């Protein structure tokens, strides 16, 4: 039985997250959520949009996980804010880490609400913080640290023992 997932967002990143979670994980996206004042349609990707202010009334945090799928706007501050708001509602924050990469998950620490696409080379000892997006085809060298609420675009090389700060 698939786990139930809510995605915060209704734009391109949310659409991409919907695709990856539905097709490559044991999650099924149940709905999308955004702040009430931004709702202009009832549906996104053929799933309902539920006002964030009402989400826990309709979707119990014990039964649903959440993923915040927002881009790097305002230097990741908006994604950080929504991540913290979801966390304050006691939802588990789901991560997607592509299996189409060279990653040893027993030697790497991943935070929550990460979104890590395919073709990564992530070496042993790497620590990836919470709420981190890593787009496709990167190299993160051994024992590097990626801070919380960070966005790394495609084809980036980070050598060993490097530290990338938050946001």
C-alpha atoms as a PDB file:
ATOM      1  CA  UNK A   1       0.000   0.000   0.000  1.00  0.00           C
ATOM      2  CA  UNK A   2       1.330   3.399  -0.982  1.00  0.00           C
ATOM      3  CA  UNK A   3       1.954   6.139   1.571  1.00  0.00           C
ATOM      4  CA  UNK A   4      -0.075   9.328   1.246  1.00  0.00           C
ATOM      5  CA  UNK A   5       1.666  12.588   0.337  1.00  0.00           C
ATOM      6  CA  UNK A   6       0.625  16.244   0.199  1.00  0.00           C
ATOM      7  CA  UNK A   7       2.750  18.617  -1.874  1.00  0.00           C
ATOM      8  CA  UNK A   8       2.960  22.289  -0.963  1.00  0.00           C
ATOM      9  CA  UNK A   9       3.026  24.295  -4.193  1.00  0.00           C
ATOM     10  CA  UNK A  10       1.197  24.597  -7.490  1.00  0.00           C
ATOM     11  CA  UNK A  11       3.853  25.579  -9.984  1.00  0.00           C
ATOM     12  CA  UNK A  12       6.601  23.885 -11.977  1.00  0.00           C
ATOM     13  CA  UNK A  13       8.576  22.489  -9.013  1.00  0.00           C
ATOM     14  CA  UNK A  14       5.389  20.973  -7.544  1.00  0.00           C
ATOM     15  CA  UNK A  15       4.544  19.415 -10.908  1.00  0.00           C
ATOM     16  CA  UNK A  16       8.023  17.882 -11.144  1.00  0.00           C
ATOM     17  CA  UNK A  17       7.846  16.632  -7.536  1.00  0.00           C
ATOM     18  CA  UNK A  18       4.442  15.093  -8.286  1.00  0.00           C
ATOM     19  CA  UNK A  19       5.960  13.174 -11.213  1.00  0.00           C
ATOM     20  CA  UNK A  20       8.948  11.834  -9.265  1.00  0.00           C
ATOM     21  CA  UNK A  21       7.072  10.929  -6.066  1.00  0.00           C
ATOM     22  CA  UNK A  22       4.242   9.178  -7.955  1.00  0.00           C
ATOM     23  CA  UNK A  23       6.494   7.251 -10.330  1.00  0.00           C
ATOM     24  CA  UNK A  24       9.629   6.441  -8.355  1.00  0.00           C
ATOM     25  CA  UNK A  25       8.630   6.128  -4.675  1.00  0.00           C
ATOM     26  CA  UNK A  26       6.130   4.342  -2.497  1.00  0.00           C
ATOM     27  CA  UNK A  27       4.184   7.617  -2.179  1.00  0.00           C
ATOM     28  CA  UNK A  28       0.995   8.616  -3.902  1.00  0.00           C
ATOM     29  CA  UNK A  29       0.270  12.331  -4.099  1.00  0.00           C
ATOM     30  CA  UNK A  30      -3.207  12.928  -2.666  1.00  0.00           C
ATOM     31  CA  UNK A  31      -3.468  16.697  -3.094  1.00  0.00           C
ATOM     32  CA  UNK A  32      -1.617  19.990  -3.342  1.00  0.00           C
ATOM     33  CA  UNK A  33      -1.767  22.780  -0.797  1.00  0.00           C
ATOM     34  CA  UNK A  34      -1.048  26.507  -1.007  1.00  0.00           C
ATOM     35  CA  UNK A  35      -2.016  29.539   1.013  1.00  0.00           C
ATOM     36  CA  UNK A  36      -5.705  30.431   0.640  1.00  0.00           C
ATOM     37  CA  UNK A  37      -5.065  33.858  -0.917  1.00  0.00           C
ATOM     38  CA  UNK A  38      -3.181  32.314  -3.854  1.00  0.00           C
ATOM     39  CA  UNK A  39      -5.792  29.714  -4.838  1.00  0.00           C
ATOM     40  CA  UNK A  40      -7.166  30.506  -8.287  1.00  0.00           C
ATOM     41  CA  UNK A  41      -8.187  26.980  -9.346  1.00  0.00           C
ATOM     42  CA  UNK A  42      -9.608  23.927  -7.610  1.00  0.00           C
ATOM     43  CA  UNK A  43      -7.130  21.443  -9.101  1.00  0.00           C
ATOM     44  CA  UNK A  44      -3.488  21.079 -10.077  1.00  0.00           C
ATOM     45  CA  UNK A  45      -2.136  18.028 -11.939  1.00  0.00           C
ATOM     46  CA  UNK A  46      -5.616  16.497 -11.635  1.00  0.00           C
ATOM     47  CA  UNK A  47      -5.485  16.614  -7.834  1.00  0.00           C
ATOM     48  CA  UNK A  48      -7.373  18.972  -5.505  1.00  0.00           C
ATOM     49  CA  UNK A  49      -5.771  22.116  -4.096  1.00  0.00           C
ATOM     50  CA  UNK A  50      -6.484  22.464  -0.376  1.00  0.00           C
ATOM     51  CA  UNK A  51      -5.912  25.736   1.505  1.00  0.00           C
ATOM     52  CA  UNK A  52      -2.847  25.374   3.733  1.00  0.00           C
ATOM     53  CA  UNK A  53      -4.693  27.088   6.568  1.00  0.00           C
ATOM     54  CA  UNK A  54      -7.185  24.153   6.615  1.00  0.00           C
ATOM     55  CA  UNK A  55      -4.874  21.261   5.748  1.00  0.00           C
ATOM     56  CA  UNK A  56      -4.639  19.517   9.115  1.00  0.00           C
ATOM     57  CA  UNK A  57      -8.457  19.599   9.507  1.00  0.00           C
ATOM     58  CA  UNK A  58      -8.844  17.475   6.371  1.00  0.00           C
ATOM     59  CA  UNK A  59      -5.563  15.516   6.348  1.00  0.00           C
ATOM     60  CA  UNK A  60      -4.327  14.073   9.647  1.00  0.00           C
ATOM     61  CA  UNK A  61      -0.540  14.461  10.128  1.00  0.00           C
ATOM     62  CA  UNK A  62      -0.450  10.861  11.411  1.00  0.00           C
ATOM     63  CA  UNK A  63      -1.740   9.593   8.062  1.00  0.00           C
ATOM     64  CA  UNK A  64      -0.157  11.977   5.527  1.00  0.00           C
ATOM     65  CA  UNK A  65       3.375  13.133   4.834  1.00  0.00           C
ATOM     66  CA  UNK A  66       4.244  16.471   3.256  1.00  0.00           C
ATOM     67  CA  UNK A  67       6.775  17.740   0.744  1.00  0.00           C
ATOM     68  CA  UNK A  68       7.407  21.468   0.235  1.00  0.00           C
ATOM     69  CA  UNK A  69       8.060  21.928  -3.493  1.00  0.00           C
ATOM     70  CA  UNK A  70       9.042  25.558  -3.937  1.00  0.00           C
ATOM     71  CA  UNK A  71      11.958  26.997  -5.892  1.00  0.00           C
ATOM     72  CA  UNK A  72      14.881  29.129  -4.733  1.00  0.00           C
ATOM     73  CA  UNK A  73      12.877  32.402  -4.742  1.00  0.00           C
ATOM     74  CA  UNK A  74      14.133  35.050  -2.354  1.00  0.00           C
ATOM     75  CA  UNK A  75      17.331  33.053  -1.788  1.00  0.00           C
ATOM     76  CA  UNK A  76      15.351  30.020  -0.542  1.00  0.00           C
ATOM     77  CA  UNK A  77      13.661  32.033   2.223  1.00  0.00           C
ATOM     78  CA  UNK A  78      10.122  31.233   1.044  1.00  0.00           C
ATOM     79  CA  UNK A  79      10.853  27.484   0.913  1.00  0.00           C
ATOM     80  CA  UNK A  80      12.422  27.709   4.386  1.00  0.00           C
ATOM     81  CA  UNK A  81       9.365  29.543   5.780  1.00  0.00           C
ATOM     82  CA  UNK A  82       6.902  26.983   4.390  1.00  0.00           C
ATOM     83  CA  UNK A  83       9.090  24.075   5.524  1.00  0.00           C
ATOM     84  CA  UNK A  84       8.996  25.446   9.091  1.00  0.00           C
ATOM     85  CA  UNK A  85       5.231  26.037   8.912  1.00  0.00           C
ATOM     86  CA  UNK A  86       4.594  22.463   7.750  1.00  0.00           C
ATOM     87  CA  UNK A  87       6.893  21.142  10.461  1.00  0.00           C
ATOM     88  CA  UNK A  88       4.958  23.161  13.085  1.00  0.00           C
ATOM     89  CA  UNK A  89       1.792  21.298  12.003  1.00  0.00           C
ATOM     90  CA  UNK A  90       3.530  18.001  12.959  1.00  0.00           C
ATOM     91  CA  UNK A  91       3.725  16.510   9.471  1.00  0.00           C
ATOM     92  CA  UNK A  92       6.564  14.202   8.489  1.00  0.00           C
ATOM     93  CA  UNK A  93       8.489  15.858   5.641  1.00  0.00           C
ATOM     94  CA  UNK A  94       9.213  13.427   2.822  1.00  0.00           C
ATOM     95  CA  UNK A  95      12.351  13.447   0.693  1.00  0.00           C
ATOM     96  CA  UNK A  96      12.956  12.212  -2.813  1.00  0.00           C
ATOM     97  CA  UNK A  97      16.456  10.918  -3.603  1.00  0.00           C
ATOM     98  CA  UNK A  98      16.825   9.475  -7.098  1.00  0.00           C
ATOM     99  CA  UNK A  99      18.028   5.900  -7.259  1.00  0.00           C
ATOM    100  CA  UNK A 100      19.599   6.756 -10.643  1.00  0.00           C
ATOM    101  CA  UNK A 101      22.726   8.157  -9.012  1.00  0.00           C
ATOM    102  CA  UNK A 102      25.949   6.996  -7.439  1.00  0.00           C
ATOM    103  CA  UNK A 103      25.092   7.423  -3.768  1.00  0.00           C
ATOM    104  CA  UNK A 104      25.884   5.192  -0.812  1.00  0.00           C
ATOM    105  CA  UNK A 105      22.959   5.933   1.531  1.00  0.00           C
ATOM    106  CA  UNK A 106      24.673   4.192   4.464  1.00  0.00           C
ATOM    107  CA  UNK A 107      27.603   6.612   4.306  1.00  0.00           C
ATOM    108  CA  UNK A 108      25.663   9.836   3.618  1.00  0.00           C
ATOM    109  CA  UNK A 109      23.362  11.767   5.948  1.00  0.00           C
ATOM    110  CA  UNK A 110      20.239  13.245   4.340  1.00  0.00           C
ATOM    111  CA  UNK A 111      17.925  15.724   6.053  1.00  0.00           C
ATOM    112  CA  UNK A 112      14.172  15.885   5.597  1.00  0.00           C
ATOM    113  CA  UNK A 113      12.284  17.492   2.710  1.00  0.00           C
ATOM    114  CA  UNK A 114      15.187  16.990   0.316  1.00  0.00           C
ATOM    115  CA  UNK A 115      14.614  16.755  -3.441  1.00  0.00           C
ATOM    116  CA  UNK A 116      17.622  15.193  -5.157  1.00  0.00           C
ATOM    117  CA  UNK A 117      17.307  14.378  -8.847  1.00  0.00           C
ATOM    118  CA  UNK A 118      19.170  11.838 -11.001  1.00  0.00           C
ATOM    119  CA  UNK A 119      22.809  11.468 -12.060  1.00  0.00           C
ATOM    120  CA  UNK A 120      24.413  12.592  -8.813  1.00  0.00           C
ATOM    121  CA  UNK A 121      27.814  11.489  -7.606  1.00  0.00           C
ATOM    122  CA  UNK A 122      27.637  11.989  -3.851  1.00  0.00           C
ATOM    123  CA  UNK A 123      30.648  10.556  -2.071  1.00  0.00           C
ATOM    124  CA  UNK A 124      31.001   9.025   1.386  1.00  0.00           C
ATOM    125  CA  UNK A 125      30.797  11.249   4.433  1.00  0.00           C
ATOM    126  CA  UNK A 126      28.621  13.925   2.820  1.00  0.00           C
ATOM    127  CA  UNK A 127      26.008  15.555   5.071  1.00  0.00           C
ATOM    128  CA  UNK A 128      23.018  17.121   3.351  1.00  0.00           C
ATOM    129  CA  UNK A 129      20.833  19.354   5.539  1.00  0.00           C
ATOM    130  CA  UNK A 130      17.068  19.761   5.688  1.00  0.00           C
ATOM    131  CA  UNK A 131      15.010  21.197   2.843  1.00  0.00           C
ATOM    132  CA  UNK A 132      17.772  20.920   0.218  1.00  0.00           C
ATOM    133  CA  UNK A 133      17.134  20.761  -3.543  1.00  0.00           C
ATOM    134  CA  UNK A 134      19.856  19.316  -5.759  1.00  0.00           C
ATOM    135  CA  UNK A 135      19.009  19.372  -9.442  1.00  0.00           C
ATOM    136  CA  UNK A 136      20.384  16.788 -11.922  1.00  0.00           C
ATOM    137  CA  UNK A 137      23.995  15.750 -12.638  1.00  0.00           C
ATOM    138  CA  UNK A 138      26.218  17.054  -9.848  1.00  0.00           C
ATOM    139  CA  UNK A 139      29.292  15.890  -7.925  1.00  0.00           C
ATOM    140  CA  UNK A 140      29.517  16.422  -4.184  1.00  0.00           C
ATOM    141  CA  UNK A 141      32.896  15.345  -2.868  1.00  0.00           C
ATOM    142  CA  UNK A 142      33.636  13.299   0.235  1.00  0.00           C
ATOM    143  CA  UNK A 143      32.977  14.755   3.680  1.00  0.00           C
ATOM    144  CA  UNK A 144      31.332  17.925   2.344  1.00  0.00           C
ATOM    145  CA  UNK A 145      28.452  19.579   4.169  1.00  0.00           C
ATOM    146  CA  UNK A 146      25.442  21.136   2.439  1.00  0.00           C
ATOM    147  CA  UNK A 147      23.533  23.478   4.776  1.00  0.00           C
ATOM    148  CA  UNK A 148      19.765  23.635   5.307  1.00  0.00           C
ATOM    149  CA  UNK A 149      17.443  25.302   2.765  1.00  0.00           C
ATOM    150  CA  UNK A 150      20.019  25.199  -0.029  1.00  0.00           C
ATOM    151  CA  UNK A 151      19.460  24.900  -3.795  1.00  0.00           C
ATOM    152  CA  UNK A 152      22.171  23.466  -6.042  1.00  0.00           C
ATOM    153  CA  UNK A 153      21.545  23.714  -9.785  1.00  0.00           C
ATOM    154  CA  UNK A 154      22.679  21.189 -12.419  1.00  0.00           C
ATOM    155  CA  UNK A 155      26.295  20.308 -13.291  1.00  0.00           C
ATOM    156  CA  UNK A 156      27.849  21.720 -10.124  1.00  0.00           C
ATOM    157  CA  UNK A 157      31.078  20.292  -8.730  1.00  0.00           C
ATOM    158  CA  UNK A 158      31.715  20.625  -5.016  1.00  0.00           C
ATOM    159  CA  UNK A 159      35.067  19.145  -4.022  1.00  0.00           C
ATOM    160  CA  UNK A 160      35.772  17.156  -0.865  1.00  0.00           C
ATOM    161  CA  UNK A 161      35.677  18.748   2.603  1.00  0.00           C
ATOM    162  CA  UNK A 162      33.702  21.789   1.389  1.00  0.00           C
ATOM    163  CA  UNK A 163      30.967  23.501   3.340  1.00  0.00           C
ATOM    164  CA  UNK A 164      27.996  25.173   1.676  1.00  0.00           C
ATOM    165  CA  UNK A 165      26.111  27.305   4.196  1.00  0.00           C
ATOM    166  CA  UNK A 166      22.386  27.556   4.720  1.00  0.00           C
ATOM    167  CA  UNK A 167      20.401  29.192   1.906  1.00  0.00           C
END
